[in-house]
Amino acid sequence: MRSFLHTLLELEPKPDLIICVNAGVKLVVQGSPVLEELRSLAECGVEILACGTCLDYFGLKDKVAVGAVSNMYTIAERLLAAGVVVRL
């Protein structure tokens, strides 16, 4: 994952949005091994959303270090409006 995110930093165009759901929300919290890459992407204008329900499930909602906590309605809305969706 670190290699993928680092590569995104070097490419143009950058993605508009990164959405983290399920166990993927562990990437946006304190102690994540990819926080530096995600913070750099956010500084480049990439929006980062994390599923609030998923964060609650893992007990991590108070440990979010990058991006915004979102809900499934907004996540589904953004996915349906996207021209291209890449899933990892």
Protein backbone atom coordinates (compact mmCIF):
# COMPACT_ATOMS: atom_id res chain seq x y z
CA MET A 1 0.00 0.00 0.00
CA ARG A 2 2.84 2.35 0.83
CA SER A 3 4.36 1.81 -2.61
CA PHE A 4 1.01 2.47 -4.32
CA LEU A 5 0.38 5.68 -2.38
CA HIS A 6 3.96 6.86 -2.93
CA THR A 7 3.54 6.25 -6.66
CA LEU A 8 0.31 8.30 -6.66
CA LEU A 9 2.35 11.19 -5.26
CA GLU A 10 4.65 11.06 -8.27
CA LEU A 11 1.95 10.77 -10.94
CA GLU A 12 -0.29 13.31 -12.60
CA PRO A 13 -3.14 13.67 -12.46
CA LYS A 14 -3.69 12.87 -8.81
CA PRO A 15 -6.93 11.19 -7.80
CA ASP A 16 -9.70 13.49 -6.62
CA LEU A 17 -10.65 11.27 -3.72
CA ILE A 18 -9.48 8.29 -1.66
CA ILE A 19 -12.18 6.49 0.32
CA CYS A 20 -11.23 4.11 3.13
CA VAL A 21 -13.79 1.54 4.26
CA ASN A 22 -13.74 -1.68 6.27
CA ALA A 23 -10.22 -2.43 7.57
CA GLY A 24 -8.89 0.23 5.18
CA VAL A 25 -9.80 2.85 7.77
CA LYS A 26 -6.76 1.69 9.73
CA LEU A 27 -4.66 3.52 7.14
CA VAL A 28 -5.85 6.99 8.25
CA VAL A 29 -5.29 6.67 12.00
CA GLN A 30 -2.40 7.45 14.35
CA GLY A 31 0.37 4.89 13.97
CA SER A 32 -0.49 3.98 10.38
CA PRO A 33 2.61 3.14 8.33
CA VAL A 34 1.25 5.21 5.40
CA LEU A 35 0.30 8.42 7.23
CA GLU A 36 3.12 10.40 5.62
CA GLU A 37 1.98 9.44 2.12
CA LEU A 38 -1.68 10.15 2.86
CA ARG A 39 -0.85 13.52 4.41
CA SER A 40 1.21 14.43 1.35
CA LEU A 41 -1.65 13.44 -0.94
CA ALA A 42 -4.04 15.54 1.13
CA GLU A 43 -1.65 18.50 0.83
CA CYS A 44 -1.78 18.01 -2.95
CA GLY A 45 -5.56 18.40 -2.85
CA VAL A 46 -6.61 14.76 -2.71
CA GLU A 47 -9.72 14.42 -0.54
CA ILE A 48 -9.54 11.52 1.92
CA LEU A 49 -12.69 10.08 3.48
CA ALA A 50 -12.96 7.34 6.09
CA CYS A 51 -16.14 5.45 6.93
CA GLY A 52 -17.31 6.50 10.40
CA THR A 53 -19.15 3.22 11.02
CA CYS A 54 -16.01 1.28 10.18
CA LEU A 55 -13.91 3.49 12.45
CA ASP A 56 -16.43 2.89 15.25
CA TYR A 57 -16.30 -0.87 14.67
CA PHE A 58 -12.52 -0.90 15.14
CA GLY A 59 -12.64 1.63 18.01
CA LEU A 60 -10.58 4.13 16.03
CA LYS A 61 -12.85 7.13 15.53
CA ASP A 62 -10.88 9.25 18.01
CA LYS A 63 -7.54 8.33 16.39
CA VAL A 64 -8.09 9.73 12.87
CA ALA A 65 -4.92 11.54 11.83
CA VAL A 66 -5.66 12.43 8.19
CA GLY A 67 -8.78 13.02 6.15
CA ALA A 68 -12.39 13.36 7.23
CA VAL A 69 -14.82 11.00 8.88
CA SER A 70 -17.73 10.35 6.56
CA ASN A 71 -20.84 8.20 6.37
CA MET A 72 -22.01 5.51 3.97
CA TYR A 73 -24.56 7.81 2.33
CA THR A 74 -21.86 10.27 1.28
CA ILE A 75 -19.46 7.48 0.31
CA ALA A 76 -22.07 5.77 -1.88
CA GLU A 77 -23.04 9.10 -3.42
CA ARG A 78 -19.42 9.92 -4.28
CA LEU A 79 -18.77 6.44 -5.74
CA LEU A 80 -21.87 6.62 -7.92
CA ALA A 81 -20.89 10.07 -9.20
CA ALA A 82 -17.30 9.04 -10.02
CA GLY A 83 -16.23 8.61 -13.62
CA VAL A 84 -13.68 5.95 -12.64
CA VAL A 85 -13.42 3.86 -9.47
CA VAL A 86 -10.25 1.93 -8.62
CA ARG A 87 -10.58 -0.69 -5.90
CA LEU A 88 -7.72 -2.19 -3.92
